[in-house]
Amino acid sequence: MQLSYALPFGLAVVVEILQANLPQYAVSHLFDPATLAIFAVGCLQIPLVDFAASPTSDVMMVKMQERLAEGRTRAVLDIWHDTTWKLALLFVPLTAFVMADAREIIVLLYTPRYLASVPIFLMWSVTILLTILQVDGVLRVFAETRLLLILNLMRLAIIGGLLKFALSEFHLVGGAMVTVAATLLFKAVGLIRFKRLMQIGVSELLPWRALGGLFVAAGSGVVAVLVVKEEVHLPSLPLIALTGIVFTVIYVTLTWSLGLLKANERLAIVGWLRRARLVTEA
């Protein structure tokens, strides 16, 4: 029984590593080192993403397994909604902000010589948004490791099959585009399987209204950032700091005023503001 779970999961991890590195290998094979450097910079990994997503997914899986053992299947859906919401609360604004300030971030970290990496970074940033949907963790909870292996093989096949075409048609952006498309399909199929396992409708699959509110708040923040960048001309670091403050104020204000935040989240924000004020006064 354990082997039937562990073997497909182990293979799925191996395939996931292969598909994650395949675009880099392909670009390295087809282009010169300077072009590879541009592509690698565009595929910038933000440490906060994995730092937040991995432990959150682990906690989700433990809670789900406990509820399933208790026979409380409905509680599994509540845990899924709560996990998705918490990750969305962080990753929706993060994605929006890094896309709005993509040029400044690349210039600050890698100098203007890597401006060609900006379009790649814009496309690659969509993967942050997709991290909200921790469907691989859900499949593991329901012991669907064979499906997880199949989905990873599917993702590898899509990337391997379309990568050369995408690179020839869309240049380096195509490499990121294929990865995003394969990941999106992976998440979609995983969601469909979860929907069937839980025997729920599409309306119950995700906290749609709350997520929609987050996108409105984040989108409003992006508009404000673009206006500031049009009116204010500063070096990359101070401009990122300024637009970050503007974005955060608008995002927090709208999520608060739209009633999107839960009671404990409101208390956490109030506590953080009080501590920040005490530090400032001291």
Protein backbone atom coordinates (compact mmCIF):
# COMPACT_ATOMS: atom_id res chain seq x y z
CA MET A 1 0.00 0.00 0.00
CA GLN A 2 2.78 2.41 0.93
CA LEU A 3 4.72 1.49 -2.19
CA SER A 4 1.71 2.14 -4.42
CA TYR A 5 1.61 5.65 -2.95
CA ALA A 6 5.33 6.38 -2.69
CA LEU A 7 6.58 5.04 -6.03
CA PRO A 8 4.34 7.18 -8.29
CA PHE A 9 4.97 10.18 -6.04
CA GLY A 10 8.74 9.72 -6.23
CA LEU A 11 8.59 9.43 -10.00
CA ALA A 12 6.35 12.51 -10.14
CA VAL A 13 8.98 14.50 -8.25
CA VAL A 14 11.69 13.38 -10.70
CA VAL A 15 9.53 14.35 -13.68
CA GLU A 16 8.73 17.70 -12.07
CA ILE A 17 12.43 18.46 -11.72
CA LEU A 18 12.96 17.56 -15.37
CA GLN A 19 10.15 19.77 -16.66
CA ALA A 20 11.23 22.67 -14.44
CA ASN A 21 14.76 22.64 -15.88
CA LEU A 22 13.97 21.69 -19.48
CA PRO A 23 13.45 25.29 -20.76
CA GLN A 24 16.87 26.31 -19.42
CA TYR A 25 18.54 23.32 -21.09
CA ALA A 26 16.76 24.01 -24.37
CA VAL A 27 17.75 27.67 -24.42
CA SER A 28 21.32 26.69 -23.50
CA HIS A 29 21.40 24.26 -26.43
CA LEU A 30 19.80 26.54 -29.01
CA PHE A 31 21.32 29.92 -28.11
CA ASP A 32 24.60 31.47 -26.99
CA PRO A 33 25.54 32.00 -23.30
CA ALA A 34 24.53 35.68 -23.33
CA THR A 35 21.02 34.76 -24.48
CA LEU A 36 20.82 32.05 -21.82
CA ALA A 37 21.73 34.65 -19.20
CA ILE A 38 18.88 36.90 -20.37
CA PHE A 39 16.45 33.99 -20.20
CA ALA A 40 17.66 32.89 -16.76
CA VAL A 41 17.24 36.40 -15.38
CA GLY A 42 13.74 36.60 -16.84
CA CYS A 43 12.86 33.36 -15.03
CA LEU A 44 13.70 35.01 -11.71
CA GLN A 45 12.59 32.99 -8.69
CA ILE A 46 11.24 35.03 -5.78
CA PRO A 47 12.22 33.21 -2.55
CA LEU A 48 9.10 34.42 -0.72
CA VAL A 49 6.89 32.31 -2.99
CA ASP A 50 8.28 28.92 -2.01
CA PHE A 51 8.89 30.11 1.57
CA ALA A 52 5.17 30.82 1.98
CA ALA A 53 3.61 28.19 -0.28
CA SER A 54 5.46 25.05 0.89
CA PRO A 55 4.68 25.23 4.63
CA THR A 56 1.13 26.40 3.92
CA SER A 57 0.57 23.38 1.68
CA ASP A 58 2.08 21.07 4.31
CA VAL A 59 -0.27 22.40 6.98
CA MET A 60 -3.20 22.07 4.58
CA MET A 61 -2.40 18.41 3.90
CA VAL A 62 -2.11 17.55 7.59
CA LYS A 63 -5.43 19.20 8.41
CA MET A 64 -7.18 17.56 5.46
CA GLN A 65 -5.90 14.11 6.42
CA GLU A 66 -7.14 14.61 9.97
CA ARG A 67 -10.61 15.63 8.79
CA LEU A 68 -10.80 12.70 6.38
CA ALA A 69 -9.82 10.32 9.17
CA GLU A 70 -12.67 11.79 11.24
CA GLY A 71 -15.08 11.34 8.35
CA ARG A 72 -15.59 15.10 8.02
CA THR A 73 -15.29 15.37 4.26
CA ARG A 74 -17.03 18.73 4.10
CA ALA A 75 -14.38 20.23 6.39
CA VAL A 76 -11.78 19.37 3.73
CA LEU A 77 -13.42 21.88 1.41
CA ASP A 78 -13.30 24.56 4.11
CA ILE A 79 -9.57 23.92 4.58
CA TRP A 80 -9.05 24.14 0.82
CA HIS A 81 -10.88 27.47 0.67
CA ASP A 82 -8.94 28.83 3.64
CA THR A 83 -5.58 27.78 2.19
CA THR A 84 -6.40 29.18 -1.24
CA TRP A 85 -7.55 32.44 0.32
CA LYS A 86 -4.44 32.88 2.47
CA LEU A 87 -2.11 32.27 -0.47
CA ALA A 88 -4.18 34.53 -2.72
CA LEU A 89 -4.07 37.29 -0.12
CA LEU A 90 -0.30 37.31 -0.52
CA PHE A 91 0.35 36.16 -4.08
CA VAL A 92 -2.28 38.17 -5.97
CA PRO A 93 -0.79 41.52 -4.89
CA LEU A 94 2.75 40.18 -5.18
CA THR A 95 2.15 39.12 -8.78
CA ALA A 96 0.45 42.41 -9.62
CA PHE A 97 3.21 44.50 -8.08
CA VAL A 98 6.19 42.68 -9.61
CA MET A 99 4.52 42.87 -13.01
CA ALA A 100 3.83 46.59 -12.60
CA ASP A 101 7.44 47.24 -11.53
CA ALA A 102 9.07 44.50 -13.64
CA ARG A 103 11.40 46.87 -15.46
CA GLU A 104 12.63 48.55 -12.28
CA ILE A 105 13.15 45.22 -10.50
CA ILE A 106 15.26 43.79 -13.32
CA VAL A 107 17.31 46.98 -13.67
CA LEU A 108 17.88 47.18 -9.91
CA LEU A 109 18.99 43.56 -9.58
CA TYR A 110 20.81 43.04 -12.88
CA THR A 111 21.49 46.51 -14.40
CA PRO A 112 20.02 47.89 -17.66
CA ARG A 113 21.99 45.34 -19.69
CA TYR A 114 19.23 42.85 -18.92
CA LEU A 115 16.25 44.93 -20.07
CA ALA A 116 15.54 42.20 -22.63
CA SER A 117 14.65 39.97 -19.65
CA VAL A 118 11.66 42.14 -18.70
CA PRO A 119 9.09 40.57 -21.11
CA ILE A 120 10.20 37.11 -19.98
CA PHE A 121 9.86 38.13 -16.34
CA LEU A 122 6.36 39.47 -17.00
CA MET A 123 5.26 36.14 -18.42
CA TRP A 124 7.11 34.11 -15.79
CA SER A 125 5.42 36.08 -12.98
CA VAL A 126 2.13 34.36 -13.84
CA THR A 127 3.56 31.23 -12.21
CA ILE A 128 3.42 33.07 -8.86
CA LEU A 129 -0.31 33.47 -9.31
CA LEU A 130 -0.77 29.79 -10.15
CA THR A 131 0.98 28.84 -6.90
CA ILE A 132 -2.22 29.83 -5.12
CA LEU A 133 -3.81 26.57 -6.29
CA GLN A 134 -2.08 23.84 -4.30
CA VAL A 135 -3.73 21.01 -6.22
CA ASP A 136 -0.70 18.73 -5.97
CA GLY A 137 -1.08 18.76 -2.18
CA VAL A 138 -4.76 17.88 -2.48
CA LEU A 139 -4.00 14.98 -4.82
CA ARG A 140 -1.50 13.65 -2.30
CA VAL A 141 -4.08 13.83 0.49
CA PHE A 142 -6.46 11.69 -1.56
CA ALA A 143 -3.60 9.31 -2.50
CA GLU A 144 -3.93 10.33 -6.15
CA THR A 145 -0.19 10.04 -6.71
CA ARG A 146 -0.63 8.13 -9.97
CA LEU A 147 -2.65 11.01 -11.35
CA LEU A 148 0.02 13.39 -10.05
CA LEU A 149 2.63 11.42 -12.01
CA ILE A 150 0.44 11.47 -15.14
CA LEU A 151 -0.09 15.22 -14.84
CA ASN A 152 3.63 15.85 -14.46
CA LEU A 153 4.33 13.67 -17.48
CA MET A 154 1.70 15.64 -19.38
CA ARG A 155 3.37 18.88 -18.36
CA LEU A 156 6.77 17.55 -19.44
CA ALA A 157 5.33 16.42 -22.78
CA ILE A 158 3.75 19.83 -23.43
CA ILE A 159 6.94 21.70 -22.63
CA GLY A 160 9.13 19.27 -24.55
CA GLY A 161 6.80 19.18 -27.54
CA LEU A 162 6.12 22.89 -27.90
CA LEU A 163 9.28 24.48 -26.56
CA LYS A 164 11.26 24.66 -29.80
CA PHE A 165 8.25 25.99 -31.72
CA ALA A 166 7.52 28.59 -29.03
CA LEU A 167 11.13 29.75 -28.96
CA SER A 168 11.20 30.11 -32.75
CA GLU A 169 7.87 31.95 -32.91
CA PHE A 170 8.04 34.11 -29.76
CA HIS A 171 11.78 34.02 -29.04
CA LEU A 172 12.71 33.76 -25.34
CA VAL A 173 9.26 34.76 -24.11
CA GLY A 174 8.02 31.56 -25.73
CA GLY A 175 10.01 29.46 -23.26
CA ALA A 176 8.22 31.08 -20.32
CA MET A 177 4.91 31.00 -22.17
CA VAL A 178 5.01 27.22 -22.68
CA THR A 179 5.86 26.66 -19.02
CA VAL A 180 2.96 28.85 -17.88
CA ALA A 181 0.55 27.11 -20.26
CA ALA A 182 1.61 23.64 -19.10
CA THR A 183 1.32 24.63 -15.45
CA LEU A 184 -2.11 26.16 -16.04
CA LEU A 185 -3.35 22.93 -17.62
CA PHE A 186 -1.85 20.93 -14.74
CA LYS A 187 -3.74 23.05 -12.21
CA ALA A 188 -6.98 22.92 -14.21
CA VAL A 189 -7.02 19.12 -14.44
CA GLY A 190 -6.13 18.87 -10.76
CA LEU A 191 -9.05 21.14 -9.87
CA ILE A 192 -11.43 19.06 -11.98
CA ARG A 193 -10.31 15.91 -10.18
CA PHE A 194 -10.73 17.58 -6.78
CA LYS A 195 -14.21 18.72 -7.79
CA ARG A 196 -15.18 15.13 -8.62
CA LEU A 197 -13.62 13.73 -5.45
CA MET A 198 -15.55 16.21 -3.33
CA GLN A 199 -18.71 15.92 -5.45
CA ILE A 200 -19.21 19.67 -5.56
CA GLY A 201 -20.17 22.20 -8.21
CA VAL A 202 -17.95 24.81 -9.83
CA SER A 203 -19.43 27.51 -7.60
CA GLU A 204 -18.07 25.73 -4.51
CA LEU A 205 -14.68 24.88 -5.95
CA LEU A 206 -13.05 28.20 -5.07
CA PRO A 207 -13.94 31.29 -3.01
CA TRP A 208 -14.80 33.13 -6.22
CA ARG A 209 -16.23 36.34 -4.74
CA ALA A 210 -13.33 36.90 -2.37
CA LEU A 211 -10.79 36.17 -5.10
CA GLY A 212 -12.56 38.56 -7.46
CA GLY A 213 -12.33 41.28 -4.80
CA LEU A 214 -8.61 40.69 -4.44
CA PHE A 215 -8.10 41.07 -8.18
CA VAL A 216 -10.03 44.34 -8.12
CA ALA A 217 -7.92 45.64 -5.23
CA ALA A 218 -4.65 44.52 -6.82
CA GLY A 219 -5.68 45.89 -10.23
CA SER A 220 -6.46 49.26 -8.68
CA GLY A 221 -3.02 49.24 -7.07
CA VAL A 222 -1.40 48.54 -10.44
CA VAL A 223 -3.22 51.49 -12.03
CA ALA A 224 -1.98 53.75 -9.24
CA VAL A 225 1.59 52.46 -9.67
CA LEU A 226 1.51 53.13 -13.42
CA VAL A 227 0.23 56.68 -12.79
CA VAL A 228 3.01 57.34 -10.28
CA LYS A 229 5.64 56.00 -12.69
CA GLU A 230 4.28 58.28 -15.41
CA GLU A 231 4.52 61.35 -13.21
CA VAL A 232 7.61 60.63 -11.09
CA HIS A 233 11.05 59.87 -12.49
CA LEU A 234 13.42 58.35 -9.96
CA PRO A 235 16.18 55.72 -9.91
CA SER A 236 14.98 52.14 -9.63
CA LEU A 237 15.31 51.62 -5.86
CA PRO A 238 13.50 54.76 -4.65
CA LEU A 239 10.87 54.30 -7.36
CA ILE A 240 10.20 50.72 -6.27
CA ALA A 241 9.95 51.91 -2.65
CA LEU A 242 7.54 54.70 -3.57
CA THR A 243 5.32 52.59 -5.78
CA GLY A 244 5.42 49.81 -3.19
CA ILE A 245 4.00 52.16 -0.55
CA VAL A 246 1.33 53.44 -2.95
CA PHE A 247 0.36 49.93 -4.00
CA THR A 248 0.21 48.61 -0.43
CA VAL A 249 -1.93 51.49 0.82
CA ILE A 250 -4.45 51.08 -1.99
CA TYR A 251 -4.51 47.29 -1.78
CA VAL A 252 -4.97 47.17 2.00
CA THR A 253 -7.54 49.98 1.95
CA LEU A 254 -9.66 48.29 -0.71
CA THR A 255 -9.47 44.80 0.81
CA TRP A 256 -10.52 46.35 4.12
CA SER A 257 -13.32 48.52 2.75
CA LEU A 258 -14.71 45.77 0.52
CA GLY A 259 -15.05 43.51 3.55
CA LEU A 260 -12.74 40.86 2.14
CA LEU A 261 -10.64 40.38 5.26
CA LYS A 262 -11.70 37.98 7.99
CA ALA A 263 -11.89 39.09 11.61
CA ASN A 264 -8.55 37.51 12.59
CA GLU A 265 -6.87 39.06 9.54
CA ARG A 266 -8.18 42.50 10.48
CA LEU A 267 -6.89 42.05 14.03
CA ALA A 268 -3.48 40.99 12.69
CA ILE A 269 -3.24 44.12 10.53
CA VAL A 270 -4.32 46.37 13.39
CA GLY A 271 -1.74 44.73 15.67
CA TRP A 272 1.00 45.17 13.06
CA LEU A 273 0.12 48.86 12.63
CA ARG A 274 0.19 49.42 16.38
CA ARG A 275 3.61 47.78 16.69
CA ALA A 276 4.90 49.80 13.75
CA ARG A 277 3.67 53.01 15.39
CA LEU A 278 5.32 52.11 18.70
CA VAL A 279 8.61 51.42 16.95
CA THR A 280 8.36 54.74 15.11
CA GLU A 281 7.58 56.67 18.29
CA ALA A 282 10.45 54.99 20.12
